[in-house]
Amino acid sequence: MPKHEEATPPALAVYIQAICTYWHKPSRGGTDALPRNRVPEAVSLPPSPSAPKSGDYVLHRATYTAKNGFAAPTSSSLGITPYCPPNTGGVSLSFEDDALHVAYQWDRSQGAPERYSRKVEAFRLSPQQWGRVSYNGRRSGESCWWYEKWVYNIGLFSSPPLSVFVMTDPVKVFTQMAHLF
């Protein structure tokens, strides 16, 4: 997931919720588009078997697909690591002056269409705050196209309730949503 550049502030963990909505051309419009567009941008965190330590990264991934009409995640996982998770799709994290800096940089791995590719600071978070980064993309393989919408809810918390991303609003939102034809 995000790239880590410096040590974290004491007594805080970084919470990252990555929600992916994945669909093919038949779900792009018509009756399948309505349930796809109802996929939440935040869900409650699942209970963790152990509490994160100061400086840990808590990563919750949830994927929604047409397999069940986008009604619930078709896969979900929760992990805690002392290292910043790799493979964020352009989201990177760093600490400076007791703030969590969240940056975004588009590259081809996130899908078409092409966008501004310089790294930009999406927002800064103080302790007990969270923000949201969202983007989408169109991808192609040998015989098909598919589409993805990614939402990253990222917070710097000491011990948040499991519903923190659902019951509170992000203090910052950064969006890179393109017209997917």
N, C-alpha and C. Protein backbone atom coordinates (compact mmCIF):
# COMPACT_ATOMS: atom_id res chain seq x y z
N MET A 1 0.85 -1.17 0.00
CA MET A 1 0.00 0.00 0.00
C MET A 1 0.90 1.24 0.00
N PRO A 2 0.53 2.32 0.67
CA PRO A 2 1.29 3.57 0.57
C PRO A 2 2.76 3.42 0.99
N LYS A 3 3.58 4.25 0.42
CA LYS A 3 5.01 4.25 0.71
C LYS A 3 5.25 5.03 2.00
N HIS A 4 6.08 4.52 2.89
CA HIS A 4 6.34 5.16 4.17
C HIS A 4 7.71 5.81 4.13
N GLU A 5 7.78 7.04 4.59
CA GLU A 5 9.05 7.75 4.48
C GLU A 5 9.71 8.09 5.81
N GLU A 6 8.96 8.20 6.93
CA GLU A 6 9.55 8.54 8.21
C GLU A 6 8.80 7.84 9.33
N ALA A 7 9.29 7.97 10.56
CA ALA A 7 8.66 7.34 11.71
C ALA A 7 7.31 7.98 12.04
N THR A 8 6.41 7.18 12.60
CA THR A 8 5.09 7.68 12.95
C THR A 8 5.11 8.37 14.31
N PRO A 9 4.14 9.25 14.55
CA PRO A 9 4.04 9.87 15.87
C PRO A 9 3.71 8.81 16.92
N PRO A 10 4.06 9.07 18.19
CA PRO A 10 3.82 8.08 19.22
C PRO A 10 2.33 7.86 19.47
N ALA A 11 1.98 6.61 19.87
CA ALA A 11 0.63 6.22 20.29
C ALA A 11 -0.43 6.31 19.19
N LEU A 12 -0.03 6.36 17.95
CA LEU A 12 -0.99 6.44 16.85
C LEU A 12 -0.74 5.33 15.84
N ALA A 13 -1.81 4.90 15.19
CA ALA A 13 -1.71 3.94 14.09
C ALA A 13 -2.38 4.56 12.87
N VAL A 14 -1.94 4.15 11.70
CA VAL A 14 -2.54 4.60 10.45
C VAL A 14 -3.56 3.55 10.02
N TYR A 15 -4.79 3.97 9.81
CA TYR A 15 -5.86 3.08 9.37
C TYR A 15 -6.13 3.37 7.90
N ILE A 16 -6.06 2.33 7.08
CA ILE A 16 -6.29 2.46 5.65
C ILE A 16 -7.41 1.50 5.26
N GLN A 17 -8.46 2.04 4.70
CA GLN A 17 -9.55 1.22 4.19
C GLN A 17 -9.58 1.39 2.67
N ALA A 18 -9.36 0.30 1.95
CA ALA A 18 -9.33 0.34 0.49
C ALA A 18 -10.57 -0.40 -0.03
N ILE A 19 -11.47 0.34 -0.66
CA ILE A 19 -12.68 -0.25 -1.21
C ILE A 19 -12.59 -0.19 -2.73
N CYS A 20 -12.66 -1.37 -3.36
CA CYS A 20 -12.61 -1.46 -4.81
C CYS A 20 -13.95 -1.95 -5.34
N THR A 21 -14.48 -1.23 -6.31
CA THR A 21 -15.66 -1.68 -7.04
C THR A 21 -15.16 -2.06 -8.43
N TYR A 22 -15.45 -3.30 -8.82
CA TYR A 22 -14.90 -3.88 -10.05
C TYR A 22 -16.07 -4.32 -10.92
N TRP A 23 -16.08 -3.89 -12.20
CA TRP A 23 -17.18 -4.29 -13.07
C TRP A 23 -16.75 -4.39 -14.52
N HIS A 24 -17.57 -5.11 -15.31
CA HIS A 24 -17.35 -5.26 -16.75
C HIS A 24 -18.37 -4.40 -17.50
N LYS A 25 -18.25 -4.37 -18.79
CA LYS A 25 -19.08 -3.52 -19.63
C LYS A 25 -20.59 -3.70 -19.38
N PRO A 26 -21.12 -4.93 -19.19
CA PRO A 26 -22.57 -5.06 -18.95
C PRO A 26 -23.07 -4.30 -17.72
N SER A 27 -22.20 -4.08 -16.72
CA SER A 27 -22.60 -3.35 -15.52
C SER A 27 -22.35 -1.85 -15.64
N ARG A 28 -21.87 -1.42 -16.80
CA ARG A 28 -21.53 -0.01 -16.99
C ARG A 28 -22.75 0.88 -17.03
N GLY A 29 -23.83 0.40 -17.61
CA GLY A 29 -25.05 1.21 -17.71
C GLY A 29 -26.27 0.35 -17.46
N GLY A 30 -27.42 0.91 -17.70
CA GLY A 30 -28.66 0.16 -17.55
C GLY A 30 -28.96 -0.21 -16.11
N THR A 31 -29.65 -1.34 -15.93
CA THR A 31 -30.10 -1.73 -14.61
C THR A 31 -28.96 -2.11 -13.67
N ASP A 32 -27.84 -2.60 -14.20
CA ASP A 32 -26.71 -2.96 -13.34
C ASP A 32 -25.97 -1.74 -12.80
N ALA A 33 -26.12 -0.61 -13.43
CA ALA A 33 -25.41 0.59 -12.98
C ALA A 33 -25.95 1.09 -11.64
N LEU A 34 -27.23 0.95 -11.41
CA LEU A 34 -27.83 1.45 -10.17
C LEU A 34 -27.24 0.76 -8.94
N PRO A 35 -27.24 -0.58 -8.85
CA PRO A 35 -26.62 -1.19 -7.67
C PRO A 35 -25.12 -0.91 -7.58
N ARG A 36 -24.44 -0.81 -8.71
CA ARG A 36 -23.00 -0.50 -8.69
C ARG A 36 -22.75 0.87 -8.10
N ASN A 37 -23.59 1.83 -8.46
CA ASN A 37 -23.42 3.19 -7.93
C ASN A 37 -23.82 3.31 -6.47
N ARG A 38 -24.45 2.29 -5.92
CA ARG A 38 -24.84 2.31 -4.50
C ARG A 38 -23.78 1.70 -3.59
N VAL A 39 -22.69 1.23 -4.14
CA VAL A 39 -21.61 0.68 -3.31
C VAL A 39 -21.13 1.79 -2.37
N PRO A 40 -21.06 1.52 -1.08
CA PRO A 40 -20.66 2.56 -0.13
C PRO A 40 -19.20 2.98 -0.31
N GLU A 41 -18.91 4.22 0.02
CA GLU A 41 -17.54 4.71 -0.02
C GLU A 41 -16.84 4.49 1.31
N ALA A 42 -17.57 3.99 2.30
CA ALA A 42 -17.00 3.64 3.59
C ALA A 42 -17.85 2.54 4.21
N VAL A 43 -17.19 1.64 4.90
CA VAL A 43 -17.87 0.58 5.64
C VAL A 43 -17.21 0.49 7.02
N SER A 44 -17.87 -0.20 7.93
CA SER A 44 -17.28 -0.39 9.25
C SER A 44 -16.06 -1.30 9.14
N LEU A 45 -15.08 -1.04 9.97
CA LEU A 45 -13.90 -1.90 10.03
C LEU A 45 -14.28 -3.22 10.69
N PRO A 46 -13.75 -4.33 10.23
CA PRO A 46 -14.02 -5.59 10.92
C PRO A 46 -13.24 -5.64 12.24
N PRO A 47 -13.73 -6.41 13.20
CA PRO A 47 -12.98 -6.53 14.46
C PRO A 47 -11.61 -7.15 14.20
N SER A 48 -10.64 -6.69 14.94
CA SER A 48 -9.28 -7.20 14.78
C SER A 48 -8.97 -8.17 15.92
N PRO A 49 -8.29 -9.27 15.62
CA PRO A 49 -7.94 -10.21 16.68
C PRO A 49 -6.94 -9.63 17.68
N SER A 50 -6.21 -8.59 17.28
CA SER A 50 -5.26 -7.94 18.18
C SER A 50 -5.27 -6.44 17.93
N ALA A 51 -4.94 -5.69 18.96
CA ALA A 51 -4.91 -4.23 18.84
C ALA A 51 -3.62 -3.79 18.16
N PRO A 52 -3.71 -2.80 17.28
CA PRO A 52 -2.48 -2.31 16.66
C PRO A 52 -1.61 -1.59 17.68
N LYS A 53 -0.32 -1.65 17.45
CA LYS A 53 0.64 -0.94 18.30
C LYS A 53 0.89 0.44 17.70
N SER A 54 1.50 1.29 18.47
CA SER A 54 1.86 2.62 17.99
C SER A 54 2.74 2.49 16.75
N GLY A 55 2.38 3.21 15.69
CA GLY A 55 3.14 3.19 14.46
C GLY A 55 2.73 2.12 13.47
N ASP A 56 1.79 1.25 13.86
CA ASP A 56 1.33 0.20 12.95
C ASP A 56 0.45 0.76 11.85
N TYR A 57 0.29 -0.03 10.82
CA TYR A 57 -0.63 0.26 9.72
C TYR A 57 -1.71 -0.81 9.74
N VAL A 58 -2.95 -0.39 9.79
CA VAL A 58 -4.09 -1.29 9.76
C VAL A 58 -4.70 -1.15 8.37
N LEU A 59 -4.73 -2.25 7.61
CA LEU A 59 -5.23 -2.21 6.24
C LEU A 59 -6.46 -3.09 6.12
N HIS A 60 -7.57 -2.46 5.77
CA HIS A 60 -8.83 -3.19 5.52
C HIS A 60 -9.14 -3.05 4.03
N ARG A 61 -9.25 -4.19 3.35
CA ARG A 61 -9.60 -4.20 1.93
C ARG A 61 -10.97 -4.83 1.76
N ALA A 62 -11.80 -4.22 0.91
CA ALA A 62 -13.11 -4.77 0.57
C ALA A 62 -13.32 -4.60 -0.92
N THR A 63 -13.77 -5.67 -1.59
CA THR A 63 -14.00 -5.62 -3.04
C THR A 63 -15.45 -5.96 -3.33
N TYR A 64 -16.07 -5.13 -4.16
CA TYR A 64 -17.45 -5.32 -4.59
C TYR A 64 -17.46 -5.65 -6.08
N THR A 65 -18.26 -6.65 -6.47
CA THR A 65 -18.36 -7.04 -7.88
C THR A 65 -19.82 -7.34 -8.24
N ALA A 66 -20.05 -7.59 -9.52
CA ALA A 66 -21.39 -7.91 -10.00
C ALA A 66 -21.80 -9.34 -9.62
N LYS A 67 -20.89 -10.16 -9.12
CA LYS A 67 -21.20 -11.55 -8.77
C LYS A 67 -22.41 -11.66 -7.85
N ASN A 68 -22.54 -10.69 -6.94
CA ASN A 68 -23.69 -10.70 -6.03
C ASN A 68 -24.50 -9.40 -6.17
N GLY A 69 -24.43 -8.81 -7.34
CA GLY A 69 -25.18 -7.58 -7.59
C GLY A 69 -24.67 -6.39 -6.80
N PHE A 70 -23.40 -6.41 -6.41
CA PHE A 70 -22.76 -5.33 -5.65
C PHE A 70 -23.40 -5.14 -4.28
N ALA A 71 -24.11 -6.16 -3.76
CA ALA A 71 -24.85 -6.04 -2.51
C ALA A 71 -23.96 -6.07 -1.28
N ALA A 72 -22.85 -6.78 -1.34
CA ALA A 72 -21.93 -6.91 -0.22
C ALA A 72 -20.55 -7.21 -0.79
N PRO A 73 -19.50 -7.02 -0.01
CA PRO A 73 -18.17 -7.34 -0.53
C PRO A 73 -18.06 -8.80 -0.93
N THR A 74 -17.44 -9.06 -2.08
CA THR A 74 -17.18 -10.44 -2.49
C THR A 74 -15.87 -10.93 -1.89
N SER A 75 -15.04 -10.01 -1.40
CA SER A 75 -13.86 -10.38 -0.62
C SER A 75 -13.55 -9.25 0.35
N SER A 76 -12.97 -9.62 1.47
CA SER A 76 -12.63 -8.64 2.51
C SER A 76 -11.48 -9.19 3.33
N SER A 77 -10.57 -8.33 3.73
CA SER A 77 -9.44 -8.76 4.55
C SER A 77 -9.02 -7.63 5.47
N LEU A 78 -8.38 -8.00 6.56
CA LEU A 78 -7.86 -7.03 7.52
C LEU A 78 -6.48 -7.49 7.93
N GLY A 79 -5.53 -6.57 7.90
CA GLY A 79 -4.17 -6.90 8.31
C GLY A 79 -3.57 -5.76 9.10
N ILE A 80 -2.64 -6.10 9.99
CA ILE A 80 -1.91 -5.10 10.77
C ILE A 80 -0.43 -5.37 10.55
N THR A 81 0.30 -4.32 10.21
CA THR A 81 1.72 -4.47 9.94
C THR A 81 2.48 -3.25 10.47
N PRO A 82 3.73 -3.44 10.88
CA PRO A 82 4.54 -2.29 11.29
C PRO A 82 5.10 -1.52 10.09
N TYR A 83 4.88 -2.05 8.89
CA TYR A 83 5.41 -1.43 7.68
C TYR A 83 4.28 -0.85 6.85
N CYS A 84 4.56 0.21 6.16
CA CYS A 84 3.57 0.81 5.27
C CYS A 84 3.29 -0.17 4.14
N PRO A 85 2.03 -0.58 3.97
CA PRO A 85 1.70 -1.57 2.95
C PRO A 85 2.04 -1.08 1.54
N PRO A 86 2.56 -1.97 0.67
CA PRO A 86 2.88 -1.58 -0.71
C PRO A 86 1.64 -1.64 -1.60
N ASN A 87 1.78 -1.19 -2.82
CA ASN A 87 0.76 -1.33 -3.87
C ASN A 87 -0.51 -0.55 -3.59
N THR A 88 -0.40 0.76 -3.62
CA THR A 88 -1.55 1.61 -3.33
C THR A 88 -2.26 2.14 -4.54
N GLY A 89 -1.76 1.94 -5.70
CA GLY A 89 -2.40 2.55 -6.84
C GLY A 89 -2.23 4.05 -6.83
N GLY A 90 -1.09 4.53 -6.47
CA GLY A 90 -0.82 5.96 -6.56
C GLY A 90 -0.93 6.74 -5.27
N VAL A 91 -1.36 6.12 -4.18
CA VAL A 91 -1.47 6.81 -2.89
C VAL A 91 -0.19 6.55 -2.11
N SER A 92 0.41 7.61 -1.57
CA SER A 92 1.60 7.44 -0.74
C SER A 92 1.44 8.25 0.54
N LEU A 93 2.11 7.78 1.58
CA LEU A 93 2.01 8.40 2.91
C LEU A 93 3.39 8.77 3.41
N SER A 94 3.46 9.87 4.14
CA SER A 94 4.70 10.25 4.82
C SER A 94 4.35 11.07 6.05
N PHE A 95 5.25 11.09 7.01
CA PHE A 95 5.04 11.87 8.23
C PHE A 95 5.98 13.06 8.25
N GLU A 96 5.45 14.19 8.68
CA GLU A 96 6.24 15.40 8.83
C GLU A 96 5.52 16.30 9.82
N ASP A 97 6.23 16.79 10.81
CA ASP A 97 5.66 17.71 11.81
C ASP A 97 4.40 17.15 12.45
N ASP A 98 4.44 15.90 12.87
CA ASP A 98 3.31 15.23 13.53
C ASP A 98 2.04 15.18 12.69
N ALA A 99 2.17 15.29 11.39
CA ALA A 99 1.02 15.18 10.49
C ALA A 99 1.28 14.07 9.49
N LEU A 100 0.21 13.42 9.09
CA LEU A 100 0.29 12.40 8.05
C LEU A 100 0.00 13.08 6.72
N HIS A 101 0.96 13.03 5.81
CA HIS A 101 0.81 13.63 4.49
C HIS A 101 0.38 12.53 3.52
N VAL A 102 -0.72 12.79 2.83
CA VAL A 102 -1.26 11.83 1.86
C VAL A 102 -1.10 12.45 0.48
N ALA A 103 -0.42 11.75 -0.41
CA ALA A 103 -0.18 12.24 -1.76
C ALA A 103 -0.77 11.26 -2.76
N TYR A 104 -1.00 11.76 -3.98
CA TYR A 104 -1.53 10.93 -5.06
C TYR A 104 -0.75 11.21 -6.33
N GLN A 105 -0.46 10.14 -7.08
CA GLN A 105 0.19 10.28 -8.38
C GLN A 105 -0.36 9.22 -9.32
N TRP A 106 -1.00 9.67 -10.40
CA TRP A 106 -1.54 8.74 -11.39
C TRP A 106 -0.40 8.12 -12.19
N ASP A 107 -0.56 6.82 -12.49
CA ASP A 107 0.32 6.19 -13.47
C ASP A 107 -0.52 5.16 -14.24
N ARG A 108 0.03 4.63 -15.29
CA ARG A 108 -0.72 3.74 -16.18
C ARG A 108 -1.28 2.50 -15.49
N SER A 109 -0.69 2.08 -14.38
CA SER A 109 -1.19 0.89 -13.68
C SER A 109 -2.59 1.11 -13.11
N GLN A 110 -3.03 2.36 -13.01
CA GLN A 110 -4.35 2.65 -12.47
C GLN A 110 -5.43 2.67 -13.54
N GLY A 111 -5.05 2.46 -14.78
CA GLY A 111 -6.02 2.39 -15.86
C GLY A 111 -6.17 3.69 -16.62
N ALA A 112 -6.84 3.58 -17.77
CA ALA A 112 -7.11 4.73 -18.63
C ALA A 112 -8.34 5.46 -18.10
N PRO A 113 -8.59 6.65 -18.54
CA PRO A 113 -7.77 7.47 -19.43
C PRO A 113 -6.60 8.12 -18.69
N GLU A 114 -5.65 8.57 -19.49
CA GLU A 114 -4.47 9.22 -18.94
C GLU A 114 -4.86 10.50 -18.21
N ARG A 115 -4.11 10.81 -17.15
CA ARG A 115 -4.36 12.00 -16.34
C ARG A 115 -3.05 12.69 -16.02
N TYR A 116 -3.17 13.80 -15.34
CA TYR A 116 -2.03 14.53 -14.84
C TYR A 116 -1.19 13.58 -14.00
N SER A 117 0.10 13.46 -14.30
CA SER A 117 0.89 12.40 -13.66
C SER A 117 1.91 12.89 -12.63
N ARG A 118 1.88 14.14 -12.26
CA ARG A 118 2.78 14.61 -11.22
C ARG A 118 2.21 14.28 -9.85
N LYS A 119 3.11 14.01 -8.92
CA LYS A 119 2.70 13.73 -7.55
C LYS A 119 2.16 15.01 -6.92
N VAL A 120 0.96 14.93 -6.33
CA VAL A 120 0.35 16.09 -5.67
C VAL A 120 -0.05 15.70 -4.26
N GLU A 121 0.08 16.65 -3.36
CA GLU A 121 -0.39 16.38 -2.00
C GLU A 121 -1.91 16.44 -1.99
N ALA A 122 -2.53 15.34 -1.61
CA ALA A 122 -3.99 15.29 -1.54
C ALA A 122 -4.46 16.03 -0.29
N PHE A 123 -3.81 15.75 0.85
CA PHE A 123 -4.17 16.42 2.10
C PHE A 123 -3.19 16.03 3.21
N ARG A 124 -3.30 16.73 4.34
CA ARG A 124 -2.54 16.43 5.55
C ARG A 124 -3.55 16.10 6.65
N LEU A 125 -3.17 15.16 7.49
CA LEU A 125 -4.05 14.76 8.58
C LEU A 125 -3.33 14.92 9.92
N SER A 126 -4.03 15.52 10.86
CA SER A 126 -3.57 15.58 12.24
C SER A 126 -4.10 14.34 12.96
N PRO A 127 -3.58 14.06 14.15
CA PRO A 127 -4.11 12.92 14.90
C PRO A 127 -5.62 13.02 15.08
N GLN A 128 -6.27 11.88 14.99
CA GLN A 128 -7.72 11.71 15.14
C GLN A 128 -8.52 12.28 13.96
N GLN A 129 -7.88 12.43 12.81
CA GLN A 129 -8.57 12.88 11.60
C GLN A 129 -8.44 11.81 10.51
N TRP A 130 -9.35 11.89 9.53
CA TRP A 130 -9.24 11.00 8.38
C TRP A 130 -9.68 11.71 7.12
N GLY A 131 -9.18 11.21 5.99
CA GLY A 131 -9.51 11.78 4.69
C GLY A 131 -9.76 10.67 3.68
N ARG A 132 -10.23 11.07 2.50
CA ARG A 132 -10.60 10.10 1.46
C ARG A 132 -9.94 10.47 0.14
N VAL A 133 -9.36 9.47 -0.52
CA VAL A 133 -8.84 9.59 -1.88
C VAL A 133 -9.65 8.63 -2.74
N SER A 134 -10.17 9.11 -3.87
CA SER A 134 -10.89 8.22 -4.78
C SER A 134 -10.48 8.49 -6.22
N TYR A 135 -10.45 7.41 -6.99
CA TYR A 135 -10.14 7.51 -8.42
C TYR A 135 -10.74 6.31 -9.12
N ASN A 136 -10.79 6.37 -10.44
CA ASN A 136 -11.32 5.25 -11.22
C ASN A 136 -10.43 5.01 -12.43
N GLY A 137 -10.70 3.91 -13.12
CA GLY A 137 -9.92 3.61 -14.31
C GLY A 137 -10.56 2.52 -15.14
N ARG A 138 -10.21 2.51 -16.40
CA ARG A 138 -10.65 1.48 -17.35
C ARG A 138 -9.42 0.67 -17.73
N ARG A 139 -9.55 -0.65 -17.71
CA ARG A 139 -8.43 -1.51 -18.03
C ARG A 139 -8.83 -2.46 -19.16
N SER A 140 -7.86 -2.99 -19.82
CA SER A 140 -8.17 -3.94 -20.89
C SER A 140 -7.22 -5.11 -20.84
N GLY A 141 -7.76 -6.26 -21.25
CA GLY A 141 -6.97 -7.48 -21.36
C GLY A 141 -7.00 -7.94 -22.80
N GLU A 142 -6.77 -9.21 -23.02
CA GLU A 142 -6.76 -9.73 -24.38
C GLU A 142 -8.12 -9.67 -25.05
N SER A 143 -9.17 -9.90 -24.29
CA SER A 143 -10.49 -9.97 -24.94
C SER A 143 -11.59 -9.17 -24.24
N CYS A 144 -11.24 -8.37 -23.27
CA CYS A 144 -12.31 -7.63 -22.58
C CYS A 144 -11.79 -6.35 -21.94
N TRP A 145 -12.73 -5.50 -21.57
CA TRP A 145 -12.46 -4.31 -20.78
C TRP A 145 -13.08 -4.53 -19.42
N TRP A 146 -12.50 -3.92 -18.42
CA TRP A 146 -13.15 -3.86 -17.12
C TRP A 146 -12.85 -2.52 -16.50
N TYR A 147 -13.59 -2.22 -15.46
CA TYR A 147 -13.54 -0.90 -14.83
C TYR A 147 -13.33 -1.08 -13.33
N GLU A 148 -12.69 -0.09 -12.72
CA GLU A 148 -12.47 -0.11 -11.28
C GLU A 148 -12.67 1.28 -10.71
N LYS A 149 -13.28 1.32 -9.55
CA LYS A 149 -13.34 2.54 -8.74
C LYS A 149 -12.68 2.19 -7.41
N TRP A 150 -11.71 3.01 -7.02
CA TRP A 150 -11.00 2.81 -5.77
C TRP A 150 -11.30 3.96 -4.82
N VAL A 151 -11.58 3.62 -3.58
CA VAL A 151 -11.76 4.61 -2.51
C VAL A 151 -10.84 4.21 -1.37
N TYR A 152 -9.97 5.13 -0.98
CA TYR A 152 -9.08 4.93 0.16
C TYR A 152 -9.50 5.88 1.27
N ASN A 153 -9.96 5.32 2.38
CA ASN A 153 -10.23 6.09 3.59
C ASN A 153 -9.01 5.91 4.48
N ILE A 154 -8.36 7.02 4.83
CA ILE A 154 -7.08 6.96 5.53
C ILE A 154 -7.18 7.83 6.77
N GLY A 155 -6.87 7.24 7.93
CA GLY A 155 -6.96 7.99 9.18
C GLY A 155 -5.76 7.76 10.06
N LEU A 156 -5.54 8.72 10.95
CA LEU A 156 -4.47 8.68 11.94
C LEU A 156 -5.13 8.68 13.31
N PHE A 157 -5.23 7.50 13.93
CA PHE A 157 -6.03 7.35 15.14
C PHE A 157 -5.26 6.63 16.24
N SER A 158 -5.69 6.90 17.49
CA SER A 158 -5.16 6.14 18.61
C SER A 158 -6.00 4.89 18.85
N SER A 159 -7.31 4.98 18.83
CA SER A 159 -8.16 3.78 18.93
C SER A 159 -9.57 4.16 18.48
N PRO A 160 -9.80 4.14 17.18
CA PRO A 160 -11.09 4.57 16.65
C PRO A 160 -12.17 3.50 16.82
N PRO A 161 -13.43 3.92 16.87
CA PRO A 161 -14.50 2.92 16.83
C PRO A 161 -14.50 2.25 15.45
N LEU A 162 -15.02 1.03 15.38
CA LEU A 162 -15.03 0.30 14.11
C LEU A 162 -15.83 1.04 13.04
N SER A 163 -16.76 1.89 13.45
CA SER A 163 -17.61 2.62 12.51
C SER A 163 -17.07 4.02 12.19
N VAL A 164 -15.81 4.29 12.50
CA VAL A 164 -15.27 5.65 12.33
C VAL A 164 -15.45 6.19 10.91
N PHE A 165 -15.24 5.37 9.89
CA PHE A 165 -15.35 5.86 8.52
C PHE A 165 -16.80 6.01 8.06
N VAL A 166 -17.73 5.36 8.77
CA VAL A 166 -19.15 5.42 8.42
C VAL A 166 -19.87 6.54 9.19
N MET A 167 -19.55 6.67 10.48
CA MET A 167 -20.30 7.58 11.35
C MET A 167 -19.74 9.00 11.39
N THR A 168 -18.57 9.23 10.81
CA THR A 168 -17.99 10.57 10.77
C THR A 168 -17.67 10.93 9.32
N ASP A 169 -17.49 12.19 9.07
CA ASP A 169 -17.16 12.66 7.72
C ASP A 169 -15.66 12.88 7.60
N PRO A 170 -15.11 12.65 6.42
CA PRO A 170 -13.69 12.94 6.23
C PRO A 170 -13.43 14.44 6.34
N VAL A 171 -12.28 14.80 6.88
CA VAL A 171 -11.94 16.22 6.96
C VAL A 171 -11.42 16.73 5.62
N LYS A 172 -10.94 15.83 4.79
CA LYS A 172 -10.44 16.18 3.46
C LYS A 172 -10.86 15.09 2.47
N VAL A 173 -11.14 15.52 1.23
CA VAL A 173 -11.48 14.59 0.16
C VAL A 173 -10.70 14.98 -1.08
N PHE A 174 -10.06 13.99 -1.71
CA PHE A 174 -9.32 14.21 -2.95
C PHE A 174 -9.88 13.22 -3.97
N THR A 175 -10.33 13.73 -5.12
CA THR A 175 -10.98 12.90 -6.11
C THR A 175 -10.34 13.07 -7.48
N GLN A 176 -10.11 11.94 -8.16
CA GLN A 176 -9.61 11.92 -9.53
C GLN A 176 -10.50 10.96 -10.33
N MET A 177 -11.75 11.36 -10.51
CA MET A 177 -12.72 10.51 -11.22
C MET A 177 -12.78 10.97 -12.68
N ALA A 178 -12.47 10.06 -13.59
CA ALA A 178 -12.46 10.36 -15.02
C ALA A 178 -13.71 9.81 -15.68
N HIS A 179 -14.06 10.36 -16.83
CA HIS A 179 -15.16 9.82 -17.64
C HIS A 179 -14.65 8.52 -18.26
N LEU A 180 -15.29 7.40 -17.92
CA LEU A 180 -14.86 6.10 -18.43
C LEU A 180 -15.79 5.70 -19.57
N PHE A 181 -15.28 5.76 -20.77
CA PHE A 181 -16.11 5.44 -21.94
C PHE A 181 -15.94 4.01 -22.34
